[in-house]
């Protein structure tokens, strides 16, 4: 039965040199679609192969591992200040299914934790505002009301709503900075 499974699967290179020969060009195309810069894409692919070389014996599926590593390195490059781009469209006549198949749309666990901590810190800092400021922030950002709608609901004039919201947000930003949130 094991023989039958191997015959239906494409042959997997067993050496890093074979992987490089088979995947350098597709990985380069994938990285280029993600970062839109040839030099950066080359660096990312080279870095992925260097990382694979260091831990080649521990990686069970090197093809999948390489695509995921290239994807993650491209995201890291974007986080360092490169332009954020939309997910690449599949060009006609080219098969990008393999490249896109391994991209995980979920944020990484450490990103999820950082986001939850940030939300918790904002909630704590909101509690430092007076009741009227909290109400205005709630109406503006939770209920998505315009200044005019907030004015009608609270009885404040539109200019006063803008003034109070500006100072509430400034106080909130100052509090977040003091608590290490910004």
C-alpha atoms as a PDB file:
ATOM      1  CA  UNK A   1       0.000   0.000   0.000  1.00  0.00           C
ATOM      2  CA  UNK A   2       2.864   2.371   0.752  1.00  0.00           C
ATOM      3  CA  UNK A   3       4.236   1.787  -2.757  1.00  0.00           C
ATOM      4  CA  UNK A   4       0.889   2.782  -4.282  1.00  0.00           C
ATOM      5  CA  UNK A   5       0.804   6.045  -2.285  1.00  0.00           C
ATOM      6  CA  UNK A   6       4.283   6.977  -3.440  1.00  0.00           C
ATOM      7  CA  UNK A   7       3.392   6.406  -7.072  1.00  0.00           C
ATOM      8  CA  UNK A   8       0.397   8.771  -6.911  1.00  0.00           C
ATOM      9  CA  UNK A   9       2.351  11.591  -5.228  1.00  0.00           C
ATOM     10  CA  UNK A  10       4.882  13.669  -7.129  1.00  0.00           C
ATOM     11  CA  UNK A  11       8.437  12.619  -6.311  1.00  0.00           C
ATOM     12  CA  UNK A  12       9.822  14.562  -3.366  1.00  0.00           C
ATOM     13  CA  UNK A  13      13.459  15.681  -3.593  1.00  0.00           C
ATOM     14  CA  UNK A  14      15.414  14.294  -0.709  1.00  0.00           C
ATOM     15  CA  UNK A  15      18.331  16.696  -0.784  1.00  0.00           C
ATOM     16  CA  UNK A  16      18.325  20.444  -0.336  1.00  0.00           C
ATOM     17  CA  UNK A  17      20.066  20.871  -3.696  1.00  0.00           C
ATOM     18  CA  UNK A  18      17.169  19.115  -5.420  1.00  0.00           C
ATOM     19  CA  UNK A  19      14.667  21.264  -3.541  1.00  0.00           C
ATOM     20  CA  UNK A  20      16.554  24.384  -4.552  1.00  0.00           C
ATOM     21  CA  UNK A  21      16.578  23.355  -8.205  1.00  0.00           C
ATOM     22  CA  UNK A  22      12.870  22.496  -8.124  1.00  0.00           C
ATOM     23  CA  UNK A  23      11.539  25.395  -6.033  1.00  0.00           C
ATOM     24  CA  UNK A  24      13.819  28.399  -6.414  1.00  0.00           C
ATOM     25  CA  UNK A  25      11.926  29.821  -9.388  1.00  0.00           C
ATOM     26  CA  UNK A  26       8.371  29.202  -8.050  1.00  0.00           C
ATOM     27  CA  UNK A  27       9.347  30.564  -4.620  1.00  0.00           C
ATOM     28  CA  UNK A  28      10.910  33.610  -6.252  1.00  0.00           C
ATOM     29  CA  UNK A  29       7.685  34.258  -8.193  1.00  0.00           C
ATOM     30  CA  UNK A  30       5.645  33.850  -5.020  1.00  0.00           C
ATOM     31  CA  UNK A  31       7.882  36.165  -2.994  1.00  0.00           C
ATOM     32  CA  UNK A  32       7.887  38.741  -5.786  1.00  0.00           C
ATOM     33  CA  UNK A  33       4.082  38.826  -5.798  1.00  0.00           C
ATOM     34  CA  UNK A  34       4.111  39.399  -2.046  1.00  0.00           C
ATOM     35  CA  UNK A  35       6.801  42.092  -1.757  1.00  0.00           C
ATOM     36  CA  UNK A  36       6.831  43.593  -5.281  1.00  0.00           C
ATOM     37  CA  UNK A  37      10.602  44.092  -5.179  1.00  0.00           C
ATOM     38  CA  UNK A  38      13.035  41.761  -6.935  1.00  0.00           C
ATOM     39  CA  UNK A  39      15.978  42.293  -4.578  1.00  0.00           C
ATOM     40  CA  UNK A  40      13.814  41.792  -1.490  1.00  0.00           C
ATOM     41  CA  UNK A  41      12.194  38.691  -3.002  1.00  0.00           C
ATOM     42  CA  UNK A  42      15.632  37.228  -3.752  1.00  0.00           C
ATOM     43  CA  UNK A  43      16.747  37.915  -0.174  1.00  0.00           C
ATOM     44  CA  UNK A  44      13.606  36.282   1.216  1.00  0.00           C
ATOM     45  CA  UNK A  45      14.013  33.124  -0.877  1.00  0.00           C
ATOM     46  CA  UNK A  46      17.700  32.909   0.012  1.00  0.00           C
ATOM     47  CA  UNK A  47      16.891  33.345   3.708  1.00  0.00           C
ATOM     48  CA  UNK A  48      14.221  30.619   3.518  1.00  0.00           C
ATOM     49  CA  UNK A  49      16.679  28.140   2.003  1.00  0.00           C
ATOM     50  CA  UNK A  50      19.344  29.068   4.558  1.00  0.00           C
ATOM     51  CA  UNK A  51      16.890  28.428   7.388  1.00  0.00           C
ATOM     52  CA  UNK A  52      15.862  25.136   5.823  1.00  0.00           C
ATOM     53  CA  UNK A  53      19.511  24.114   5.524  1.00  0.00           C
ATOM     54  CA  UNK A  54      20.035  24.699   9.256  1.00  0.00           C
ATOM     55  CA  UNK A  55      17.137  22.446  10.231  1.00  0.00           C
ATOM     56  CA  UNK A  56      16.714  20.238   7.181  1.00  0.00           C
ATOM     57  CA  UNK A  57      16.673  16.976   9.148  1.00  0.00           C
ATOM     58  CA  UNK A  58      13.816  18.179  11.381  1.00  0.00           C
ATOM     59  CA  UNK A  59      11.503  19.454   8.622  1.00  0.00           C
ATOM     60  CA  UNK A  60       9.024  16.785   7.532  1.00  0.00           C
ATOM     61  CA  UNK A  61       7.514  18.571   4.524  1.00  0.00           C
ATOM     62  CA  UNK A  62      10.192  20.873   3.142  1.00  0.00           C
ATOM     63  CA  UNK A  63       8.065  22.139   0.224  1.00  0.00           C
ATOM     64  CA  UNK A  64       5.264  23.306   2.498  1.00  0.00           C
ATOM     65  CA  UNK A  65       7.778  24.593   5.006  1.00  0.00           C
ATOM     66  CA  UNK A  66       9.550  26.691   2.346  1.00  0.00           C
ATOM     67  CA  UNK A  67       6.335  28.310   1.089  1.00  0.00           C
ATOM     68  CA  UNK A  68       5.232  29.104   4.629  1.00  0.00           C
ATOM     69  CA  UNK A  69       8.669  30.513   5.504  1.00  0.00           C
ATOM     70  CA  UNK A  70       8.725  32.705   2.384  1.00  0.00           C
ATOM     71  CA  UNK A  71       5.225  33.920   3.256  1.00  0.00           C
ATOM     72  CA  UNK A  72       6.219  34.737   6.846  1.00  0.00           C
ATOM     73  CA  UNK A  73       9.467  36.452   5.800  1.00  0.00           C
ATOM     74  CA  UNK A  74       7.509  38.586   3.319  1.00  0.00           C
ATOM     75  CA  UNK A  75       5.061  39.578   6.072  1.00  0.00           C
ATOM     76  CA  UNK A  76       7.956  40.439   8.364  1.00  0.00           C
ATOM     77  CA  UNK A  77       9.437  42.606   5.616  1.00  0.00           C
ATOM     78  CA  UNK A  78       6.128  44.432   5.242  1.00  0.00           C
ATOM     79  CA  UNK A  79       5.902  44.966   8.998  1.00  0.00           C
ATOM     80  CA  UNK A  80       9.336  46.588   8.952  1.00  0.00           C
ATOM     81  CA  UNK A  81       7.916  49.375   6.837  1.00  0.00           C
ATOM     82  CA  UNK A  82       7.621  48.080   3.311  1.00  0.00           C
ATOM     83  CA  UNK A  83       4.468  48.871   1.369  1.00  0.00           C
ATOM     84  CA  UNK A  84       1.478  46.751   2.271  1.00  0.00           C
ATOM     85  CA  UNK A  85       0.011  45.081  -0.783  1.00  0.00           C
ATOM     86  CA  UNK A  86      -3.201  43.240  -1.417  1.00  0.00           C
ATOM     87  CA  UNK A  87      -3.220  39.482  -1.786  1.00  0.00           C
ATOM     88  CA  UNK A  88      -1.987  38.752  -5.298  1.00  0.00           C
ATOM     89  CA  UNK A  89      -4.491  37.886  -7.997  1.00  0.00           C
ATOM     90  CA  UNK A  90      -3.816  34.723  -9.968  1.00  0.00           C
ATOM     91  CA  UNK A  91      -2.379  35.789 -13.313  1.00  0.00           C
ATOM     92  CA  UNK A  92      -4.048  34.111 -16.266  1.00  0.00           C
ATOM     93  CA  UNK A  93      -2.166  31.113 -17.525  1.00  0.00           C
ATOM     94  CA  UNK A  94      -0.132  30.660 -14.339  1.00  0.00           C
ATOM     95  CA  UNK A  95      -0.850  28.251 -11.537  1.00  0.00           C
ATOM     96  CA  UNK A  96      -0.477  29.952  -8.153  1.00  0.00           C
ATOM     97  CA  UNK A  97      -2.668  27.461  -6.332  1.00  0.00           C
ATOM     98  CA  UNK A  98       0.342  25.767  -4.776  1.00  0.00           C
ATOM     99  CA  UNK A  99       1.691  29.054  -3.430  1.00  0.00           C
ATOM    100  CA  UNK A 100      -1.599  30.308  -2.041  1.00  0.00           C
ATOM    101  CA  UNK A 101      -2.656  26.952  -0.641  1.00  0.00           C
ATOM    102  CA  UNK A 102      -0.276  27.180   2.303  1.00  0.00           C
ATOM    103  CA  UNK A 103      -0.971  30.756   3.394  1.00  0.00           C
ATOM    104  CA  UNK A 104      -2.739  30.779   6.751  1.00  0.00           C
ATOM    105  CA  UNK A 105      -5.208  33.687   6.976  1.00  0.00           C
ATOM    106  CA  UNK A 106      -5.307  33.546  10.792  1.00  0.00           C
ATOM    107  CA  UNK A 107      -3.003  35.870  12.727  1.00  0.00           C
ATOM    108  CA  UNK A 108      -0.198  34.163  14.591  1.00  0.00           C
ATOM    109  CA  UNK A 109      -0.852  33.385  18.286  1.00  0.00           C
ATOM    110  CA  UNK A 110       1.522  36.096  19.502  1.00  0.00           C
ATOM    111  CA  UNK A 111      -0.259  38.635  17.278  1.00  0.00           C
ATOM    112  CA  UNK A 112      -3.631  37.543  18.705  1.00  0.00           C
ATOM    113  CA  UNK A 113      -2.333  37.918  22.270  1.00  0.00           C
ATOM    114  CA  UNK A 114      -0.832  41.346  21.544  1.00  0.00           C
ATOM    115  CA  UNK A 115      -4.137  42.487  20.029  1.00  0.00           C
ATOM    116  CA  UNK A 116      -6.126  41.230  23.044  1.00  0.00           C
ATOM    117  CA  UNK A 117      -3.695  42.945  25.426  1.00  0.00           C
ATOM    118  CA  UNK A 118      -4.035  46.177  23.442  1.00  0.00           C
ATOM    119  CA  UNK A 119      -7.821  46.018  23.582  1.00  0.00           C
ATOM    120  CA  UNK A 120      -7.691  45.393  27.331  1.00  0.00           C
ATOM    121  CA  UNK A 121      -5.351  48.349  27.822  1.00  0.00           C
ATOM    122  CA  UNK A 122      -7.647  50.642  25.810  1.00  0.00           C
ATOM    123  CA  UNK A 123     -10.610  49.535  27.919  1.00  0.00           C
ATOM    124  CA  UNK A 124      -8.693  50.266  31.131  1.00  0.00           C
ATOM    125  CA  UNK A 125      -7.622  53.669  29.840  1.00  0.00           C
ATOM    126  CA  UNK A 126     -11.203  54.493  28.816  1.00  0.00           C
ATOM    127  CA  UNK A 127     -12.174  54.094  32.473  1.00  0.00           C
ATOM    128  CA  UNK A 128      -9.884  57.017  33.355  1.00  0.00           C
ATOM    129  CA  UNK A 129     -12.077  59.371  31.305  1.00  0.00           C
ATOM    130  CA  UNK A 130     -15.023  61.170  32.908  1.00  0.00           C
ATOM    131  CA  UNK A 131     -18.505  59.778  32.217  1.00  0.00           C
ATOM    132  CA  UNK A 132     -19.405  62.401  29.594  1.00  0.00           C
ATOM    133  CA  UNK A 133     -16.182  61.796  27.635  1.00  0.00           C
ATOM    134  CA  UNK A 134     -16.709  58.017  27.770  1.00  0.00           C
ATOM    135  CA  UNK A 135     -20.267  58.503  26.487  1.00  0.00           C
ATOM    136  CA  UNK A 136     -19.055  60.672  23.585  1.00  0.00           C
ATOM    137  CA  UNK A 137     -16.335  58.162  22.660  1.00  0.00           C
ATOM    138  CA  UNK A 138     -18.919  55.381  22.824  1.00  0.00           C
ATOM    139  CA  UNK A 139     -21.363  57.258  20.594  1.00  0.00           C
ATOM    140  CA  UNK A 140     -18.687  58.145  18.057  1.00  0.00           C
ATOM    141  CA  UNK A 141     -16.808  54.849  17.818  1.00  0.00           C
ATOM    142  CA  UNK A 142     -19.185  52.137  19.027  1.00  0.00           C
ATOM    143  CA  UNK A 143     -22.396  53.536  17.521  1.00  0.00           C
ATOM    144  CA  UNK A 144     -20.590  55.278  14.635  1.00  0.00           C
ATOM    145  CA  UNK A 145     -22.626  58.476  14.989  1.00  0.00           C
ATOM    146  CA  UNK A 146     -21.712  61.761  13.316  1.00  0.00           C
ATOM    147  CA  UNK A 147     -21.029  64.875  15.395  1.00  0.00           C
ATOM    148  CA  UNK A 148     -24.489  66.142  14.408  1.00  0.00           C
ATOM    149  CA  UNK A 149     -26.161  62.915  15.590  1.00  0.00           C
ATOM    150  CA  UNK A 150     -24.178  63.024  18.854  1.00  0.00           C
ATOM    151  CA  UNK A 151     -25.215  66.665  19.280  1.00  0.00           C
ATOM    152  CA  UNK A 152     -28.887  65.787  18.831  1.00  0.00           C
ATOM    153  CA  UNK A 153     -28.637  62.877  21.266  1.00  0.00           C
ATOM    154  CA  UNK A 154     -26.706  64.709  24.004  1.00  0.00           C
ATOM    155  CA  UNK A 155     -28.035  68.254  23.623  1.00  0.00           C
ATOM    156  CA  UNK A 156     -24.515  69.645  23.141  1.00  0.00           C
ATOM    157  CA  UNK A 157     -23.794  71.836  20.148  1.00  0.00           C
ATOM    158  CA  UNK A 158     -21.754  70.311  17.306  1.00  0.00           C
ATOM    159  CA  UNK A 159     -18.638  72.403  18.005  1.00  0.00           C
ATOM    160  CA  UNK A 160     -18.677  71.397  21.660  1.00  0.00           C
ATOM    161  CA  UNK A 161     -18.990  67.720  20.697  1.00  0.00           C
ATOM    162  CA  UNK A 162     -15.867  68.068  18.502  1.00  0.00           C
ATOM    163  CA  UNK A 163     -13.978  69.901  21.247  1.00  0.00           C
ATOM    164  CA  UNK A 164     -14.866  67.345  23.926  1.00  0.00           C
ATOM    165  CA  UNK A 165     -14.083  64.369  21.676  1.00  0.00           C
ATOM    166  CA  UNK A 166     -10.724  65.880  20.709  1.00  0.00           C
ATOM    167  CA  UNK A 167      -9.728  66.309  24.336  1.00  0.00           C
ATOM    168  CA  UNK A 168     -11.091  62.884  25.324  1.00  0.00           C
ATOM    169  CA  UNK A 169      -9.031  61.209  22.598  1.00  0.00           C
ATOM    170  CA  UNK A 170      -5.954  63.254  23.523  1.00  0.00           C
ATOM    171  CA  UNK A 171      -6.351  62.206  27.175  1.00  0.00           C
ATOM    172  CA  UNK A 172      -6.847  58.606  26.086  1.00  0.00           C
ATOM    173  CA  UNK A 173      -3.693  58.719  23.938  1.00  0.00           C
ATOM    174  CA  UNK A 174      -1.704  60.237  26.821  1.00  0.00           C
ATOM    175  CA  UNK A 175      -2.946  57.525  29.183  1.00  0.00           C
ATOM    176  CA  UNK A 176      -2.087  54.796  26.687  1.00  0.00           C
ATOM    177  CA  UNK A 177       1.406  56.247  26.301  1.00  0.00           C
ATOM    178  CA  UNK A 178       1.901  56.311  30.074  1.00  0.00           C
ATOM    179  CA  UNK A 179       0.850  52.664  30.238  1.00  0.00           C
ATOM    180  CA  UNK A 180       3.071  51.526  27.384  1.00  0.00           C
ATOM    181  CA  UNK A 181       0.266  51.014  24.873  1.00  0.00           C
ATOM    182  CA  UNK A 182       1.565  53.360  22.189  1.00  0.00           C
END
